[in-house]
Amino acid sequence: MSMKIYVGNLPHQMTETELQTIFAEAGNVVSAKIITDRQTGQPRGFGFVEMETKAEGRRAISTINTRNVDGRALTVNEAKPQKSGFGGRGGQWR
């Protein structure tokens, strides 16, 4: 079973290929995605990596968390499940 990992404090110039390369050190990467702003298209400084197995995910977290990349210490931990529903302001209409 795969494991989805949250990666924060990414350098803004990092590419998804570079992100995947870093995590490949810990095992097989299923996907690597850097989240961008919907309006500007600019990176938001975080992303998600899916590792093929939970063991590889745990290895990635333990070896890559706090690693310095381009002067920034990465924050790496297991991603929390995405909340269902329509995001935004808690369902309140304004």
PDB file of N, CA and C in Angstrom:
ATOM      1  N   MET A   1       0.847  -1.186   0.000  1.00  0.00           N
ATOM      2  CA  MET A   1       0.000   0.000   0.000  1.00  0.00           C
ATOM      3  C   MET A   1       0.887   1.242   0.000  1.00  0.00           C
ATOM      4  N   SER A   2       0.513   2.230  -0.771  1.00  0.00           N
ATOM      5  CA  SER A   2       1.331   3.436  -0.895  1.00  0.00           C
ATOM      6  C   SER A   2       1.124   4.388   0.285  1.00  0.00           C
ATOM      7  N   MET A   3       2.001   5.387   0.369  1.00  0.00           N
ATOM      8  CA  MET A   3       1.906   6.400   1.416  1.00  0.00           C
ATOM      9  C   MET A   3       2.066   7.772   0.776  1.00  0.00           C
ATOM     10  N   LYS A   4       1.137   8.670   1.111  1.00  0.00           N
ATOM     11  CA  LYS A   4       1.209  10.045   0.618  1.00  0.00           C
ATOM     12  C   LYS A   4       1.897  10.900   1.678  1.00  0.00           C
ATOM     13  N   ILE A   5       2.843  11.723   1.240  1.00  0.00           N
ATOM     14  CA  ILE A   5       3.675  12.513   2.137  1.00  0.00           C
ATOM     15  C   ILE A   5       3.535  13.994   1.807  1.00  0.00           C
ATOM     16  N   TYR A   6       3.377  14.803   2.839  1.00  0.00           N
ATOM     17  CA  TYR A   6       3.370  16.268   2.711  1.00  0.00           C
ATOM     18  C   TYR A   6       4.819  16.754   2.794  1.00  0.00           C
ATOM     19  N   VAL A   7       5.180  17.681   1.901  1.00  0.00           N
ATOM     20  CA  VAL A   7       6.519  18.272   1.915  1.00  0.00           C
ATOM     21  C   VAL A   7       6.348  19.787   1.941  1.00  0.00           C
ATOM     22  N   GLY A   8       6.807  20.424   3.017  1.00  0.00           N
ATOM     23  CA  GLY A   8       6.677  21.870   3.152  1.00  0.00           C
ATOM     24  C   GLY A   8       8.013  22.574   3.125  1.00  0.00           C
ATOM     25  N   ASN A   9       7.944  23.899   2.985  1.00  0.00           N
ATOM     26  CA  ASN A   9       9.105  24.781   2.959  1.00  0.00           C
ATOM     27  C   ASN A   9       9.988  24.519   1.734  1.00  0.00           C
ATOM     28  N   LEU A  10       9.332  24.208   0.605  1.00  0.00           N
ATOM     29  CA  LEU A  10      10.065  23.957  -0.632  1.00  0.00           C
ATOM     30  C   LEU A  10      10.620  25.259  -1.201  1.00  0.00           C
ATOM     31  N   PRO A  11      11.822  25.223  -1.768  1.00  0.00           N
ATOM     32  CA  PRO A  11      12.330  26.404  -2.481  1.00  0.00           C
ATOM     33  C   PRO A  11      11.397  26.683  -3.674  1.00  0.00           C
ATOM     34  N   HIS A  12      11.097  27.934  -3.932  1.00  0.00           N
ATOM     35  CA  HIS A  12      10.127  28.274  -4.979  1.00  0.00           C
ATOM     36  C   HIS A  12      10.602  27.916  -6.381  1.00  0.00           C
ATOM     37  N   GLN A  13      11.908  27.752  -6.581  1.00  0.00           N
ATOM     38  CA  GLN A  13      12.413  27.402  -7.908  1.00  0.00           C
ATOM     39  C   GLN A  13      12.483  25.889  -8.134  1.00  0.00           C
ATOM     40  N   MET A  14      12.141  25.090  -7.116  1.00  0.00           N
ATOM     41  CA  MET A  14      12.223  23.632  -7.243  1.00  0.00           C
ATOM     42  C   MET A  14      11.190  23.123  -8.247  1.00  0.00           C
ATOM     43  N   THR A  15      11.593  22.116  -9.023  1.00  0.00           N
ATOM     44  CA  THR A  15      10.681  21.490  -9.982  1.00  0.00           C
ATOM     45  C   THR A  15      10.187  20.159  -9.423  1.00  0.00           C
ATOM     46  N   GLU A  16       9.118  19.645 -10.024  1.00  0.00           N
ATOM     47  CA  GLU A  16       8.594  18.355  -9.588  1.00  0.00           C
ATOM     48  C   GLU A  16       9.612  17.243  -9.855  1.00  0.00           C
ATOM     49  N   THR A  17      10.381  17.365 -10.919  1.00  0.00           N
ATOM     50  CA  THR A  17      11.421  16.378 -11.218  1.00  0.00           C
ATOM     51  C   THR A  17      12.477  16.366 -10.123  1.00  0.00           C
ATOM     52  N   GLU A  18      12.897  17.549  -9.655  1.00  0.00           N
ATOM     53  CA  GLU A  18      13.880  17.630  -8.571  1.00  0.00           C
ATOM     54  C   GLU A  18      13.314  17.032  -7.284  1.00  0.00           C
ATOM     55  N   LEU A  19      12.043  17.323  -7.008  1.00  0.00           N
ATOM     56  CA  LEU A  19      11.387  16.774  -5.818  1.00  0.00           C
ATOM     57  C   LEU A  19      11.367  15.246  -5.892  1.00  0.00           C
ATOM     58  N   GLN A  20      11.017  14.716  -7.037  1.00  0.00           N
ATOM     59  CA  GLN A  20      10.976  13.266  -7.217  1.00  0.00           C
ATOM     60  C   GLN A  20      12.371  12.658  -7.038  1.00  0.00           C
ATOM     61  N   THR A  21      13.395  13.315  -7.537  1.00  0.00           N
ATOM     62  CA  THR A  21      14.767  12.820  -7.418  1.00  0.00           C
ATOM     63  C   THR A  21      15.198  12.723  -5.955  1.00  0.00           C
ATOM     64  N   ILE A  22      14.858  13.734  -5.164  1.00  0.00           N
ATOM     65  CA  ILE A  22      15.210  13.719  -3.736  1.00  0.00           C
ATOM     66  C   ILE A  22      14.562  12.515  -3.049  1.00  0.00           C
ATOM     67  N   PHE A  23      13.284  12.288  -3.309  1.00  0.00           N
ATOM     68  CA  PHE A  23      12.566  11.210  -2.633  1.00  0.00           C
ATOM     69  C   PHE A  23      12.906   9.831  -3.179  1.00  0.00           C
ATOM     70  N   ALA A  24      13.413   9.753  -4.386  1.00  0.00           N
ATOM     71  CA  ALA A  24      13.813   8.467  -4.965  1.00  0.00           C
ATOM     72  C   ALA A  24      14.959   7.836  -4.179  1.00  0.00           C
ATOM     73  N   GLU A  25      15.687   8.650  -3.405  1.00  0.00           N
ATOM     74  CA  GLU A  25      16.752   8.119  -2.546  1.00  0.00           C
ATOM     75  C   GLU A  25      16.185   7.152  -1.503  1.00  0.00           C
ATOM     76  N   ALA A  26      14.917   7.336  -1.144  1.00  0.00           N
ATOM     77  CA  ALA A  26      14.290   6.525  -0.099  1.00  0.00           C
ATOM     78  C   ALA A  26      13.484   5.353  -0.660  1.00  0.00           C
ATOM     79  N   GLY A  27      13.276   5.320  -1.978  1.00  0.00           N
ATOM     80  CA  GLY A  27      12.494   4.231  -2.564  1.00  0.00           C
ATOM     81  C   GLY A  27      11.793   4.661  -3.832  1.00  0.00           C
ATOM     82  N   ASN A  28      10.793   3.880  -4.222  1.00  0.00           N
ATOM     83  CA  ASN A  28      10.059   4.129  -5.462  1.00  0.00           C
ATOM     84  C   ASN A  28       9.016   5.222  -5.288  1.00  0.00           C
ATOM     85  N   VAL A  29       9.117   6.257  -6.110  1.00  0.00           N
ATOM     86  CA  VAL A  29       8.184   7.380  -6.064  1.00  0.00           C
ATOM     87  C   VAL A  29       7.080   7.134  -7.089  1.00  0.00           C
ATOM     88  N   VAL A  30       5.832   7.141  -6.637  1.00  0.00           N
ATOM     89  CA  VAL A  30       4.690   6.972  -7.523  1.00  0.00           C
ATOM     90  C   VAL A  30       4.381   8.298  -8.209  1.00  0.00           C
ATOM     91  N   SER A  31       4.389   9.391  -7.429  1.00  0.00           N
ATOM     92  CA  SER A  31       4.119  10.716  -7.990  1.00  0.00           C
ATOM     93  C   SER A  31       4.720  11.792  -7.096  1.00  0.00           C
ATOM     94  N   ALA A  32       4.987  12.945  -7.703  1.00  0.00           N
ATOM     95  CA  ALA A  32       5.485  14.117  -6.973  1.00  0.00           C
ATOM     96  C   ALA A  32       4.790  15.336  -7.559  1.00  0.00           C
ATOM     97  N   LYS A  33       4.148  16.119  -6.709  1.00  0.00           N
ATOM     98  CA  LYS A  33       3.359  17.273  -7.168  1.00  0.00           C
ATOM     99  C   LYS A  33       3.662  18.484  -6.297  1.00  0.00           C
ATOM    100  N   ILE A  34       4.035  19.599  -6.930  1.00  0.00           N
ATOM    101  CA  ILE A  34       4.215  20.872  -6.233  1.00  0.00           C
ATOM    102  C   ILE A  34       2.941  21.679  -6.446  1.00  0.00           C
ATOM    103  N   ILE A  35       2.367  22.169  -5.372  1.00  0.00           N
ATOM    104  CA  ILE A  35       1.103  22.899  -5.431  1.00  0.00           C
ATOM    105  C   ILE A  35       1.369  24.345  -5.842  1.00  0.00           C
ATOM    106  N   THR A  36       0.551  24.825  -6.790  1.00  0.00           N
ATOM    107  CA  THR A  36       0.696  26.200  -7.281  1.00  0.00           C
ATOM    108  C   THR A  36      -0.570  27.000  -6.987  1.00  0.00           C
ATOM    109  N   ASP A  37      -0.411  28.306  -6.937  1.00  0.00           N
ATOM    110  CA  ASP A  37      -1.528  29.225  -6.732  1.00  0.00           C
ATOM    111  C   ASP A  37      -2.422  29.182  -7.968  1.00  0.00           C
ATOM    112  N   ARG A  38      -3.715  29.095  -7.785  1.00  0.00           N
ATOM    113  CA  ARG A  38      -4.640  28.999  -8.916  1.00  0.00           C
ATOM    114  C   ARG A  38      -4.636  30.249  -9.788  1.00  0.00           C
ATOM    115  N   GLN A  39      -4.473  31.404  -9.173  1.00  0.00           N
ATOM    116  CA  GLN A  39      -4.542  32.650  -9.935  1.00  0.00           C
ATOM    117  C   GLN A  39      -3.225  33.019 -10.596  1.00  0.00           C
ATOM    118  N   THR A  40      -2.112  32.866  -9.873  1.00  0.00           N
ATOM    119  CA  THR A  40      -0.829  33.309 -10.412  1.00  0.00           C
ATOM    120  C   THR A  40      -0.012  32.185 -11.042  1.00  0.00           C
ATOM    121  N   GLY A  41      -0.304  30.951 -10.681  1.00  0.00           N
ATOM    122  CA  GLY A  41       0.468  29.833 -11.188  1.00  0.00           C
ATOM    123  C   GLY A  41       1.814  29.668 -10.496  1.00  0.00           C
ATOM    124  N   GLN A  42       2.097  30.498  -9.516  1.00  0.00           N
ATOM    125  CA  GLN A  42       3.364  30.435  -8.789  1.00  0.00           C
ATOM    126  C   GLN A  42       3.318  29.337  -7.731  1.00  0.00           C
ATOM    127  N   PRO A  43       4.452  28.677  -7.472  1.00  0.00           N
ATOM    128  CA  PRO A  43       4.491  27.637  -6.438  1.00  0.00           C
ATOM    129  C   PRO A  43       4.130  28.220  -5.070  1.00  0.00           C
ATOM    130  N   ARG A  44       3.409  27.436  -4.270  1.00  0.00           N
ATOM    131  CA  ARG A  44       2.990  27.880  -2.940  1.00  0.00           C
ATOM    132  C   ARG A  44       3.948  27.430  -1.838  1.00  0.00           C
ATOM    133  N   GLY A  45       5.032  26.726  -2.208  1.00  0.00           N
ATOM    134  CA  GLY A  45       6.035  26.347  -1.221  1.00  0.00           C
ATOM    135  C   GLY A  45       5.803  25.003  -0.554  1.00  0.00           C
ATOM    136  N   PHE A  46       4.836  24.221  -1.062  1.00  0.00           N
ATOM    137  CA  PHE A  46       4.625  22.887  -0.524  1.00  0.00           C
ATOM    138  C   PHE A  46       4.143  21.964  -1.628  1.00  0.00           C
ATOM    139  N   GLY A  47       4.196  20.675  -1.328  1.00  0.00           N
ATOM    140  CA  GLY A  47       3.758  19.699  -2.309  1.00  0.00           C
ATOM    141  C   GLY A  47       3.501  18.358  -1.659  1.00  0.00           C
ATOM    142  N   PHE A  48       3.264  17.359  -2.497  1.00  0.00           N
ATOM    143  CA  PHE A  48       2.976  16.019  -2.023  1.00  0.00           C
ATOM    144  C   PHE A  48       3.751  15.007  -2.851  1.00  0.00           C
ATOM    145  N   VAL A  49       4.235  13.983  -2.175  1.00  0.00           N
ATOM    146  CA  VAL A  49       4.936  12.883  -2.824  1.00  0.00           C
ATOM    147  C   VAL A  49       4.245  11.604  -2.392  1.00  0.00           C
ATOM    148  N   GLU A  50       4.002  10.718  -3.340  1.00  0.00           N
ATOM    149  CA  GLU A  50       3.431   9.418  -3.009  1.00  0.00           C
ATOM    150  C   GLU A  50       4.514   8.369  -3.205  1.00  0.00           C
ATOM    151  N   MET A  51       4.812   7.656  -2.124  1.00  0.00           N
ATOM    152  CA  MET A  51       5.795   6.576  -2.168  1.00  0.00           C
ATOM    153  C   MET A  51       5.055   5.256  -2.377  1.00  0.00           C
ATOM    154  N   GLU A  52       5.707   4.300  -3.029  1.00  0.00           N
ATOM    155  CA  GLU A  52       5.063   3.046  -3.397  1.00  0.00           C
ATOM    156  C   GLU A  52       4.606   2.222  -2.197  1.00  0.00           C
ATOM    157  N   THR A  53       5.400   2.208  -1.119  1.00  0.00           N
ATOM    158  CA  THR A  53       5.022   1.432   0.068  1.00  0.00           C
ATOM    159  C   THR A  53       5.107   2.304   1.318  1.00  0.00           C
ATOM    160  N   LYS A  54       4.435   1.863   2.364  1.00  0.00           N
ATOM    161  CA  LYS A  54       4.499   2.587   3.638  1.00  0.00           C
ATOM    162  C   LYS A  54       5.916   2.568   4.204  1.00  0.00           C
ATOM    163  N   ALA A  55       6.635   1.461   4.025  1.00  0.00           N
ATOM    164  CA  ALA A  55       8.011   1.371   4.527  1.00  0.00           C
ATOM    165  C   ALA A  55       8.896   2.412   3.837  1.00  0.00           C
ATOM    166  N   GLU A  56       8.722   2.571   2.527  1.00  0.00           N
ATOM    167  CA  GLU A  56       9.494   3.587   1.803  1.00  0.00           C
ATOM    168  C   GLU A  56       9.076   4.989   2.232  1.00  0.00           C
ATOM    169  N   GLY A  57       7.805   5.174   2.519  1.00  0.00           N
ATOM    170  CA  GLY A  57       7.318   6.457   3.006  1.00  0.00           C
ATOM    171  C   GLY A  57       7.926   6.818   4.348  1.00  0.00           C
ATOM    172  N   ARG A  58       7.949   5.857   5.260  1.00  0.00           N
ATOM    173  CA  ARG A  58       8.545   6.102   6.574  1.00  0.00           C
ATOM    174  C   ARG A  58      10.040   6.390   6.451  1.00  0.00           C
ATOM    175  N   ARG A  59      10.717   5.661   5.544  1.00  0.00           N
ATOM    176  CA  ARG A  59      12.143   5.900   5.319  1.00  0.00           C
ATOM    177  C   ARG A  59      12.361   7.315   4.767  1.00  0.00           C
ATOM    178  N   ALA A  60      11.515   7.743   3.848  1.00  0.00           N
ATOM    179  CA  ALA A  60      11.631   9.084   3.276  1.00  0.00           C
ATOM    180  C   ALA A  60      11.438  10.151   4.355  1.00  0.00           C
ATOM    181  N   ILE A  61      10.445   9.964   5.208  1.00  0.00           N
ATOM    182  CA  ILE A  61      10.189  10.933   6.276  1.00  0.00           C
ATOM    183  C   ILE A  61      11.395  11.026   7.202  1.00  0.00           C
ATOM    184  N   SER A  62      11.928   9.882   7.618  1.00  0.00           N
ATOM    185  CA  SER A  62      13.033   9.904   8.580  1.00  0.00           C
ATOM    186  C   SER A  62      14.335  10.433   7.980  1.00  0.00           C
ATOM    187  N   THR A  63      14.554  10.232   6.686  1.00  0.00           N
ATOM    188  CA  THR A  63      15.827  10.664   6.099  1.00  0.00           C
ATOM    189  C   THR A  63      15.789  12.053   5.462  1.00  0.00           C
ATOM    190  N   ILE A  64      14.605  12.517   5.059  1.00  0.00           N
ATOM    191  CA  ILE A  64      14.535  13.790   4.333  1.00  0.00           C
ATOM    192  C   ILE A  64      14.009  14.939   5.194  1.00  0.00           C
ATOM    193  N   ASN A  65      13.229  14.639   6.245  1.00  0.00           N
ATOM    194  CA  ASN A  65      12.713  15.708   7.109  1.00  0.00           C
ATOM    195  C   ASN A  65      13.871  16.540   7.657  1.00  0.00           C
ATOM    196  N   THR A  66      13.761  17.825   7.571  1.00  0.00           N
ATOM    197  CA  THR A  66      14.730  18.860   7.991  1.00  0.00           C
ATOM    198  C   THR A  66      15.962  18.955   7.083  1.00  0.00           C
ATOM    199  N   ARG A  67      15.992  18.202   5.967  1.00  0.00           N
ATOM    200  CA  ARG A  67      17.120  18.325   5.037  1.00  0.00           C
ATOM    201  C   ARG A  67      17.160  19.735   4.457  1.00  0.00           C
ATOM    202  N   ASN A  68      18.345  20.289   4.366  1.00  0.00           N
ATOM    203  CA  ASN A  68      18.537  21.630   3.832  1.00  0.00           C
ATOM    204  C   ASN A  68      18.639  21.552   2.304  1.00  0.00           C
ATOM    205  N   VAL A  69      17.717  22.226   1.626  1.00  0.00           N
ATOM    206  CA  VAL A  69      17.719  22.295   0.166  1.00  0.00           C
ATOM    207  C   VAL A  69      17.652  23.762  -0.224  1.00  0.00           C
ATOM    208  N   ASP A  70      18.691  24.252  -0.861  1.00  0.00           N
ATOM    209  CA  ASP A  70      18.771  25.660  -1.275  1.00  0.00           C
ATOM    210  C   ASP A  70      18.504  26.611  -0.107  1.00  0.00           C
ATOM    211  N   GLY A  71      19.064  26.286   1.060  1.00  0.00           N
ATOM    212  CA  GLY A  71      18.942  27.152   2.227  1.00  0.00           C
ATOM    213  C   GLY A  71      17.636  27.025   2.988  1.00  0.00           C
ATOM    214  N   ARG A  72      16.817  26.043   2.647  1.00  0.00           N
ATOM    215  CA  ARG A  72      15.529  25.856   3.327  1.00  0.00           C
ATOM    216  C   ARG A  72      15.456  24.449   3.907  1.00  0.00           C
ATOM    217  N   ALA A  73      15.060  24.348   5.170  1.00  0.00           N
ATOM    218  CA  ALA A  73      14.905  23.046   5.824  1.00  0.00           C
ATOM    219  C   ALA A  73      13.528  22.484   5.474  1.00  0.00           C
ATOM    220  N   LEU A  74      13.496  21.371   4.760  1.00  0.00           N
ATOM    221  CA  LEU A  74      12.228  20.770   4.356  1.00  0.00           C
ATOM    222  C   LEU A  74      11.474  20.215   5.554  1.00  0.00           C
ATOM    223  N   THR A  75      10.158  20.328   5.503  1.00  0.00           N
ATOM    224  CA  THR A  75       9.275  19.724   6.486  1.00  0.00           C
ATOM    225  C   THR A  75       8.609  18.546   5.798  1.00  0.00           C
ATOM    226  N   VAL A  76       8.828  17.345   6.318  1.00  0.00           N
ATOM    227  CA  VAL A  76       8.320  16.135   5.666  1.00  0.00           C
ATOM    228  C   VAL A  76       7.574  15.293   6.688  1.00  0.00           C
ATOM    229  N   ASN A  77       6.287  15.012   6.411  1.00  0.00           N
ATOM    230  CA  ASN A  77       5.522  14.121   7.278  1.00  0.00           C
ATOM    231  C   ASN A  77       4.384  13.484   6.497  1.00  0.00           C
ATOM    232  N   GLU A  78       3.750  12.488   7.105  1.00  0.00           N
ATOM    233  CA  GLU A  78       2.654  11.810   6.417  1.00  0.00           C
ATOM    234  C   GLU A  78       1.514  12.794   6.189  1.00  0.00           C
ATOM    235  N   ALA A  79       0.976  12.783   4.979  1.00  0.00           N
ATOM    236  CA  ALA A  79      -0.117  13.696   4.638  1.00  0.00           C
ATOM    237  C   ALA A  79      -1.383  13.286   5.371  1.00  0.00           C
ATOM    238  N   LYS A  80      -2.130  14.283   5.805  1.00  0.00           N
ATOM    239  CA  LYS A  80      -3.417  14.032   6.446  1.00  0.00           C
ATOM    240  C   LYS A  80      -4.452  13.823   5.346  1.00  0.00           C
ATOM    241  N   PRO A  81      -5.462  12.993   5.605  1.00  0.00           N
ATOM    242  CA  PRO A  81      -6.496  12.777   4.584  1.00  0.00           C
ATOM    243  C   PRO A  81      -7.178  14.093   4.226  1.00  0.00           C
ATOM    244  N   GLN A  82      -7.467  14.241   2.940  1.00  0.00           N
ATOM    245  CA  GLN A  82      -8.127  15.459   2.469  1.00  0.00           C
ATOM    246  C   GLN A  82      -9.564  15.461   2.962  1.00  0.00           C
ATOM    247  N   LYS A  83      -9.996  16.612   3.467  1.00  0.00           N
ATOM    248  CA  LYS A  83     -11.369  16.734   3.949  1.00  0.00           C
ATOM    249  C   LYS A  83     -12.313  16.741   2.761  1.00  0.00           C
ATOM    250  N   SER A  84     -13.463  16.078   2.931  1.00  0.00           N
ATOM    251  CA  SER A  84     -14.440  16.065   1.850  1.00  0.00           C
ATOM    252  C   SER A  84     -15.295  17.331   1.923  1.00  0.00           C
ATOM    253  N   GLY A  85     -15.973  17.608   0.858  1.00  0.00           N
ATOM    254  CA  GLY A  85     -16.821  18.789   0.830  1.00  0.00           C
ATOM    255  C   GLY A  85     -16.248  19.851  -0.081  1.00  0.00           C
ATOM    256  N   PHE A  86     -16.807  21.004   0.025  1.00  0.00           N
ATOM    257  CA  PHE A  86     -16.423  22.104  -0.850  1.00  0.00           C
ATOM    258  C   PHE A  86     -15.495  23.041  -0.132  1.00  0.00           C
ATOM    259  N   GLY A  87     -14.372  23.038   0.056  1.00  0.00           N
ATOM    260  CA  GLY A  87     -13.442  23.935   0.743  1.00  0.00           C
ATOM    261  C   GLY A  87     -13.991  25.329   0.973  1.00  0.00           C
ATOM    262  N   GLY A  88     -13.163  26.250   1.185  1.00  0.00           N
ATOM    263  CA  GLY A  88     -13.608  27.621   1.352  1.00  0.00           C
ATOM    264  C   GLY A  88     -13.881  27.983   2.788  1.00  0.00           C
ATOM    265  N   ARG A  89     -14.954  28.709   3.003  1.00  0.00           N
ATOM    266  CA  ARG A  89     -15.241  29.310   4.305  1.00  0.00           C
ATOM    267  C   ARG A  89     -16.177  28.451   5.147  1.00  0.00           C
ATOM    268  N   GLY A  90     -15.904  27.190   5.243  1.00  0.00           N
ATOM    269  CA  GLY A  90     -16.706  26.331   6.104  1.00  0.00           C
ATOM    270  C   GLY A  90     -18.135  26.183   5.656  1.00  0.00           C
ATOM    271  N   GLY A  91     -18.407  26.373   4.374  1.00  0.00           N
ATOM    272  CA  GLY A  91     -19.746  26.208   3.854  1.00  0.00           C
ATOM    273  C   GLY A  91     -20.641  27.419   4.047  1.00  0.00           C
ATOM    274  N   GLN A  92     -20.103  28.500   4.565  1.00  0.00           N
ATOM    275  CA  GLN A  92     -20.918  29.692   4.774  1.00  0.00           C
ATOM    276  C   GLN A  92     -20.962  30.514   3.480  1.00  0.00           C
ATOM    277  N   TRP A  93     -22.148  30.960   3.127  1.00  0.00           N
ATOM    278  CA  TRP A  93     -22.286  31.802   1.945  1.00  0.00           C
ATOM    279  C   TRP A  93     -22.111  33.249   2.339  1.00  0.00           C
ATOM    280  N   ARG A  94     -21.419  33.985   1.541  1.00  0.00           N
ATOM    281  CA  ARG A  94     -21.228  35.417   1.812  1.00  0.00           C
ATOM    282  C   ARG A  94     -21.552  36.217   0.596  1.00  0.00           C
TER     283      ARG A  94
END
